[in-house]
PDB file of all heavy atoms in Angstrom:
ATOM      1  N   ARG A   1    -102.180  65.985   4.940  1.00  0.00           N
ATOM      2  CA  ARG A   1    -102.097  67.075   3.966  1.00  0.00           C
ATOM      3  C   ARG A   1    -102.690  68.372   4.508  1.00  0.00           C
ATOM      4  O   ARG A   1    -102.413  69.425   3.973  1.00  0.00           O
ATOM      5  CB  ARG A   1    -102.778  66.677   2.680  1.00  0.00           C
ATOM      6  CG  ARG A   1    -101.961  65.641   1.909  1.00  0.00           C
ATOM      7  CD  ARG A   1    -102.423  65.429   0.521  1.00  0.00           C
ATOM      8  NE  ARG A   1    -101.550  64.526  -0.213  1.00  0.00           N
ATOM      9  CZ  ARG A   1    -101.863  63.839  -1.251  1.00  0.00           C
ATOM     10  NH1 ARG A   1    -103.101  63.930  -1.713  1.00  0.00           N
ATOM     11  NH2 ARG A   1    -100.989  63.051  -1.850  1.00  0.00           N
ATOM     12  N   SER A   2    -103.473  68.275   5.566  1.00  0.00           N
ATOM     13  CA  SER A   2    -104.050  69.447   6.210  1.00  0.00           C
ATOM     14  C   SER A   2    -103.191  69.913   7.407  1.00  0.00           C
ATOM     15  O   SER A   2    -103.508  70.894   8.074  1.00  0.00           O
ATOM     16  CB  SER A   2    -105.456  69.134   6.706  1.00  0.00           C
ATOM     17  OG  SER A   2    -106.292  68.798   5.674  1.00  0.00           O
ATOM     18  N   SER A   3    -102.097  69.240   7.670  1.00  0.00           N
ATOM     19  CA  SER A   3    -101.224  69.571   8.789  1.00  0.00           C
ATOM     20  C   SER A   3    -100.426  70.836   8.500  1.00  0.00           C
ATOM     21  O   SER A   3    -100.439  71.361   7.375  1.00  0.00           O
ATOM     22  CB  SER A   3    -100.290  68.408   9.122  1.00  0.00           C
ATOM     23  OG  SER A   3     -99.364  68.195   8.042  1.00  0.00           O
ATOM     24  N   GLU A   4     -99.726  71.273   9.533  1.00  0.00           N
ATOM     25  CA  GLU A   4     -98.943  72.531   9.423  1.00  0.00           C
ATOM     26  C   GLU A   4     -97.984  72.550   8.237  1.00  0.00           C
ATOM     27  O   GLU A   4     -97.849  73.573   7.570  1.00  0.00           O
ATOM     28  CB  GLU A   4     -98.144  72.691  10.737  1.00  0.00           C
ATOM     29  CG  GLU A   4     -97.265  73.920  10.770  1.00  0.00           C
ATOM     30  CD  GLU A   4     -96.454  74.007  12.040  1.00  0.00           C
ATOM     31  OE1 GLU A   4     -96.416  72.994  12.823  1.00  0.00           O
ATOM     32  OE2 GLU A   4     -95.854  75.061  12.263  1.00  0.00           O
ATOM     33  N   PHE A   5     -97.362  71.436   7.931  1.00  0.00           N
ATOM     34  CA  PHE A   5     -96.444  71.345   6.813  1.00  0.00           C
ATOM     35  C   PHE A   5     -96.972  70.427   5.708  1.00  0.00           C
ATOM     36  O   PHE A   5     -96.231  69.679   5.097  1.00  0.00           O
ATOM     37  CB  PHE A   5     -95.044  70.875   7.277  1.00  0.00           C
ATOM     38  CG  PHE A   5     -94.431  71.823   8.270  1.00  0.00           C
ATOM     39  CD1 PHE A   5     -94.347  71.470   9.604  1.00  0.00           C
ATOM     40  CD2 PHE A   5     -93.929  73.048   7.878  1.00  0.00           C
ATOM     41  CE1 PHE A   5     -93.782  72.335  10.531  1.00  0.00           C
ATOM     42  CE2 PHE A   5     -93.364  73.924   8.787  1.00  0.00           C
ATOM     43  CZ  PHE A   5     -93.282  73.580  10.107  1.00  0.00           C
ATOM     44  N   GLY A   6     -98.256  70.505   5.497  1.00  0.00           N
ATOM     45  CA  GLY A   6     -98.944  69.640   4.530  1.00  0.00           C
ATOM     46  C   GLY A   6     -98.372  69.700   3.119  1.00  0.00           C
ATOM     47  O   GLY A   6     -98.395  68.720   2.383  1.00  0.00           O
ATOM     48  N   GLU A   7     -97.772  70.844   2.755  1.00  0.00           N
ATOM     49  CA  GLU A   7     -97.187  70.966   1.432  1.00  0.00           C
ATOM     50  C   GLU A   7     -95.921  70.099   1.298  1.00  0.00           C
ATOM     51  O   GLU A   7     -95.437  69.844   0.198  1.00  0.00           O
ATOM     52  CB  GLU A   7     -96.866  72.420   1.067  1.00  0.00           C
ATOM     53  CG  GLU A   7     -95.753  73.061   1.882  1.00  0.00           C
ATOM     54  CD  GLU A   7     -96.158  73.604   3.233  1.00  0.00           C
ATOM     55  OE1 GLU A   7     -97.398  73.495   3.620  1.00  0.00           O
ATOM     56  OE2 GLU A   7     -95.315  74.137   3.945  1.00  0.00           O
ATOM     57  N   ASN A   8     -95.395  69.611   2.431  1.00  0.00           N
ATOM     58  CA  ASN A   8     -94.241  68.754   2.406  1.00  0.00           C
ATOM     59  C   ASN A   8     -94.603  67.245   2.432  1.00  0.00           C
ATOM     60  O   ASN A   8     -93.701  66.418   2.496  1.00  0.00           O
ATOM     61  CB  ASN A   8     -93.334  69.062   3.638  1.00  0.00           C
ATOM     62  CG  ASN A   8     -92.779  70.446   3.593  1.00  0.00           C
ATOM     63  OD1 ASN A   8     -93.480  71.407   3.783  1.00  0.00           O
ATOM     64  ND2 ASN A   8     -91.518  70.571   3.319  1.00  0.00           N
ATOM     65  N   ILE A   9     -95.884  66.980   2.380  1.00  0.00           N
ATOM     66  CA  ILE A   9     -96.327  65.595   2.279  1.00  0.00           C
ATOM     67  C   ILE A   9     -96.494  65.273   0.803  1.00  0.00           C
ATOM     68  O   ILE A   9     -97.328  65.854   0.098  1.00  0.00           O
ATOM     69  CB  ILE A   9     -97.686  65.378   2.998  1.00  0.00           C
ATOM     70  CG1 ILE A   9     -97.591  65.831   4.473  1.00  0.00           C
ATOM     71  CG2 ILE A   9     -98.162  63.936   2.880  1.00  0.00           C
ATOM     72  CD1 ILE A   9     -96.595  65.071   5.308  1.00  0.00           C
ATOM     73  N   LEU A  10     -95.684  64.338   0.309  1.00  0.00           N
ATOM     74  CA  LEU A  10     -95.705  63.994  -1.107  1.00  0.00           C
ATOM     75  C   LEU A  10     -96.652  62.872  -1.412  1.00  0.00           C
ATOM     76  O   LEU A  10     -97.266  62.833  -2.494  1.00  0.00           O
ATOM     77  CB  LEU A  10     -94.292  63.629  -1.564  1.00  0.00           C
ATOM     78  CG  LEU A  10     -93.224  64.699  -1.314  1.00  0.00           C
ATOM     79  CD1 LEU A  10     -91.878  64.191  -1.771  1.00  0.00           C
ATOM     80  CD2 LEU A  10     -93.598  65.990  -2.042  1.00  0.00           C
ATOM     81  N   TYR A  11     -96.769  61.921  -0.469  1.00  0.00           N
ATOM     82  CA  TYR A  11     -97.623  60.740  -0.769  1.00  0.00           C
ATOM     83  C   TYR A  11     -97.916  60.032   0.539  1.00  0.00           C
ATOM     84  O   TYR A  11     -97.038  59.909   1.407  1.00  0.00           O
ATOM     85  CB  TYR A  11     -96.842  59.781  -1.725  1.00  0.00           C
ATOM     86  CG  TYR A  11     -97.545  58.474  -1.975  1.00  0.00           C
ATOM     87  CD1 TYR A  11     -98.611  58.379  -2.865  1.00  0.00           C
ATOM     88  CD2 TYR A  11     -97.135  57.319  -1.319  1.00  0.00           C
ATOM     89  CE1 TYR A  11     -99.248  57.176  -3.080  1.00  0.00           C
ATOM     90  CE2 TYR A  11     -97.752  56.085  -1.555  1.00  0.00           C
ATOM     91  CZ  TYR A  11     -98.823  56.035  -2.450  1.00  0.00           C
ATOM     92  OH  TYR A  11     -99.426  54.833  -2.679  1.00  0.00           O
ATOM     93  N   PHE A  12     -99.116  59.514   0.666  1.00  0.00           N
ATOM     94  CA  PHE A  12     -99.488  58.564   1.668  1.00  0.00           C
ATOM     95  C   PHE A  12    -100.351  57.493   1.017  1.00  0.00           C
ATOM     96  O   PHE A  12    -101.362  57.837   0.398  1.00  0.00           O
ATOM     97  CB  PHE A  12    -100.292  59.214   2.820  1.00  0.00           C
ATOM     98  CG  PHE A  12    -100.706  58.190   3.846  1.00  0.00           C
ATOM     99  CD1 PHE A  12     -99.835  57.772   4.831  1.00  0.00           C
ATOM    100  CD2 PHE A  12    -102.000  57.639   3.810  1.00  0.00           C
ATOM    101  CE1 PHE A  12    -100.214  56.795   5.760  1.00  0.00           C
ATOM    102  CE2 PHE A  12    -102.366  56.653   4.728  1.00  0.00           C
ATOM    103  CZ  PHE A  12    -101.482  56.252   5.677  1.00  0.00           C
ATOM    104  N   GLY A  13     -99.920  56.248   1.068  1.00  0.00           N
ATOM    105  CA  GLY A  13    -100.701  55.197   0.426  1.00  0.00           C
ATOM    106  C   GLY A  13    -100.367  53.812   0.931  1.00  0.00           C
ATOM    107  O   GLY A  13     -99.353  53.610   1.619  1.00  0.00           O
ATOM    108  N   PRO A  14    -101.215  52.845   0.597  1.00  0.00           N
ATOM    109  CA  PRO A  14    -101.085  51.491   1.119  1.00  0.00           C
ATOM    110  C   PRO A  14     -99.998  50.669   0.441  1.00  0.00           C
ATOM    111  O   PRO A  14     -99.645  50.879  -0.689  1.00  0.00           O
ATOM    112  CB  PRO A  14    -102.453  50.898   0.841  1.00  0.00           C
ATOM    113  CG  PRO A  14    -102.920  51.604  -0.367  1.00  0.00           C
ATOM    114  CD  PRO A  14    -102.398  53.017  -0.274  1.00  0.00           C
ATOM    115  N   MET A  15     -99.517  49.680   1.196  1.00  0.00           N
ATOM    116  CA  MET A  15     -98.614  48.653   0.643  1.00  0.00           C
ATOM    117  C   MET A  15     -99.514  47.571   0.004  1.00  0.00           C
ATOM    118  O   MET A  15    -100.541  47.179   0.557  1.00  0.00           O
ATOM    119  CB  MET A  15     -97.782  48.017   1.751  1.00  0.00           C
ATOM    120  CG  MET A  15     -96.856  48.931   2.417  1.00  0.00           C
ATOM    121  SD  MET A  15     -96.025  48.099   3.801  1.00  0.00           S
ATOM    122  CE  MET A  15     -95.044  49.441   4.402  1.00  0.00           C
ATOM    123  N   ALA A  16     -99.099  47.066  -1.122  1.00  0.00           N
ATOM    124  CA  ALA A  16     -99.862  46.020  -1.806  1.00  0.00           C
ATOM    125  C   ALA A  16     -99.968  44.754  -0.919  1.00  0.00           C
ATOM    126  O   ALA A  16    -100.911  44.002  -1.039  1.00  0.00           O
ATOM    127  CB  ALA A  16     -99.226  45.669  -3.135  1.00  0.00           C
ATOM    128  N   SER A  17     -99.039  44.578  -0.022  1.00  0.00           N
ATOM    129  CA  SER A  17     -99.017  43.417   0.877  1.00  0.00           C
ATOM    130  C   SER A  17    -100.098  43.497   1.943  1.00  0.00           C
ATOM    131  O   SER A  17    -100.334  42.516   2.661  1.00  0.00           O
ATOM    132  CB  SER A  17     -97.680  43.224   1.529  1.00  0.00           C
ATOM    133  OG  SER A  17     -97.416  44.368   2.373  1.00  0.00           O
ATOM    134  N   ARG A  18    -100.738  44.638   2.055  1.00  0.00           N
ATOM    135  CA  ARG A  18    -101.758  44.882   3.057  1.00  0.00           C
ATOM    136  C   ARG A  18    -101.215  44.812   4.484  1.00  0.00           C
ATOM    137  O   ARG A  18    -101.907  44.466   5.429  1.00  0.00           O
ATOM    138  CB  ARG A  18    -102.975  43.969   2.889  1.00  0.00           C
ATOM    139  CG  ARG A  18    -103.686  44.227   1.587  1.00  0.00           C
ATOM    140  CD  ARG A  18    -104.988  43.445   1.359  1.00  0.00           C
ATOM    141  NE  ARG A  18    -105.463  42.650   2.426  1.00  0.00           N
ATOM    142  CZ  ARG A  18    -105.632  41.336   2.401  1.00  0.00           C
ATOM    143  NH1 ARG A  18    -105.363  40.653   1.301  1.00  0.00           N
ATOM    144  NH2 ARG A  18    -106.137  40.687   3.432  1.00  0.00           N
ATOM    145  N   THR A  19     -99.931  45.157   4.633  1.00  0.00           N
ATOM    146  CA  THR A  19     -99.311  45.163   5.960  1.00  0.00           C
ATOM    147  C   THR A  19     -99.057  46.583   6.489  1.00  0.00           C
ATOM    148  O   THR A  19     -98.574  46.767   7.612  1.00  0.00           O
ATOM    149  CB  THR A  19     -97.970  44.400   5.941  1.00  0.00           C
ATOM    150  OG1 THR A  19     -97.087  44.975   5.007  1.00  0.00           O
ATOM    151  CG2 THR A  19     -98.181  42.934   5.636  1.00  0.00           C
ATOM    152  N   GLY A  20     -99.380  47.611   5.706  1.00  0.00           N
ATOM    153  CA  GLY A  20     -99.190  48.993   6.172  1.00  0.00           C
ATOM    154  C   GLY A  20     -99.214  49.991   5.066  1.00  0.00           C
ATOM    155  O   GLY A  20     -99.869  49.777   4.012  1.00  0.00           O
ATOM    156  N   PHE A  21     -98.530  51.087   5.288  1.00  0.00           N
ATOM    157  CA  PHE A  21     -98.568  52.241   4.394  1.00  0.00           C
ATOM    158  C   PHE A  21     -97.194  52.835   4.183  1.00  0.00           C
ATOM    159  O   PHE A  21     -96.286  52.602   5.018  1.00  0.00           O
ATOM    160  CB  PHE A  21     -99.470  53.346   5.006  1.00  0.00           C
ATOM    161  CG  PHE A  21    -100.889  52.941   5.136  1.00  0.00           C
ATOM    162  CD1 PHE A  21    -101.337  52.310   6.273  1.00  0.00           C
ATOM    163  CD2 PHE A  21    -101.808  53.199   4.107  1.00  0.00           C
ATOM    164  CE1 PHE A  21    -102.668  51.935   6.406  1.00  0.00           C
ATOM    165  CE2 PHE A  21    -103.129  52.833   4.225  1.00  0.00           C
ATOM    166  CZ  PHE A  21    -103.576  52.202   5.392  1.00  0.00           C
ATOM    167  N   TYR A  22     -97.030  53.620   3.141  1.00  0.00           N
ATOM    168  CA  TYR A  22     -95.847  54.427   2.928  1.00  0.00           C
ATOM    169  C   TYR A  22     -96.218  55.898   3.043  1.00  0.00           C
ATOM    170  O   TYR A  22     -97.296  56.314   2.558  1.00  0.00           O
ATOM    171  CB  TYR A  22     -95.250  54.192   1.532  1.00  0.00           C
ATOM    172  CG  TYR A  22     -94.621  52.849   1.374  1.00  0.00           C
ATOM    173  CD1 TYR A  22     -95.178  51.885   0.544  1.00  0.00           C
ATOM    174  CD2 TYR A  22     -93.437  52.501   2.059  1.00  0.00           C
ATOM    175  CE1 TYR A  22     -94.582  50.639   0.367  1.00  0.00           C
ATOM    176  CE2 TYR A  22     -92.865  51.285   1.903  1.00  0.00           C
ATOM    177  CZ  TYR A  22     -93.439  50.323   1.083  1.00  0.00           C
ATOM    178  OH  TYR A  22     -92.833  49.118   0.923  1.00  0.00           O
ATOM    179  N   LEU A  23     -95.353  56.654   3.670  1.00  0.00           N
ATOM    180  CA  LEU A  23     -95.476  58.110   3.785  1.00  0.00           C
ATOM    181  C   LEU A  23     -94.216  58.706   3.229  1.00  0.00           C
ATOM    182  O   LEU A  23     -93.131  58.394   3.732  1.00  0.00           O
ATOM    183  CB  LEU A  23     -95.705  58.543   5.247  1.00  0.00           C
ATOM    184  CG  LEU A  23     -95.669  60.038   5.508  1.00  0.00           C
ATOM    185  CD1 LEU A  23     -96.877  60.718   4.845  1.00  0.00           C
ATOM    186  CD2 LEU A  23     -95.653  60.322   7.000  1.00  0.00           C
ATOM    187  N   LEU A  24     -94.334  59.533   2.207  1.00  0.00           N
ATOM    188  CA  LEU A  24     -93.183  60.229   1.621  1.00  0.00           C
ATOM    189  C   LEU A  24     -93.302  61.696   1.972  1.00  0.00           C
ATOM    190  O   LEU A  24     -94.313  62.331   1.734  1.00  0.00           O
ATOM    191  CB  LEU A  24     -93.163  60.070   0.077  1.00  0.00           C
ATOM    192  CG  LEU A  24     -92.607  58.743  -0.431  1.00  0.00           C
ATOM    193  CD1 LEU A  24     -93.583  57.628  -0.236  1.00  0.00           C
ATOM    194  CD2 LEU A  24     -92.288  58.904  -1.911  1.00  0.00           C
TER     195      LEU A  24
END
């Protein structure tokens, strides 16, 4: 969210399976 195009980051969060993350 602090990156150059941070306003284009909608979501970063974990998978309930604890195998990774989603980035929108």
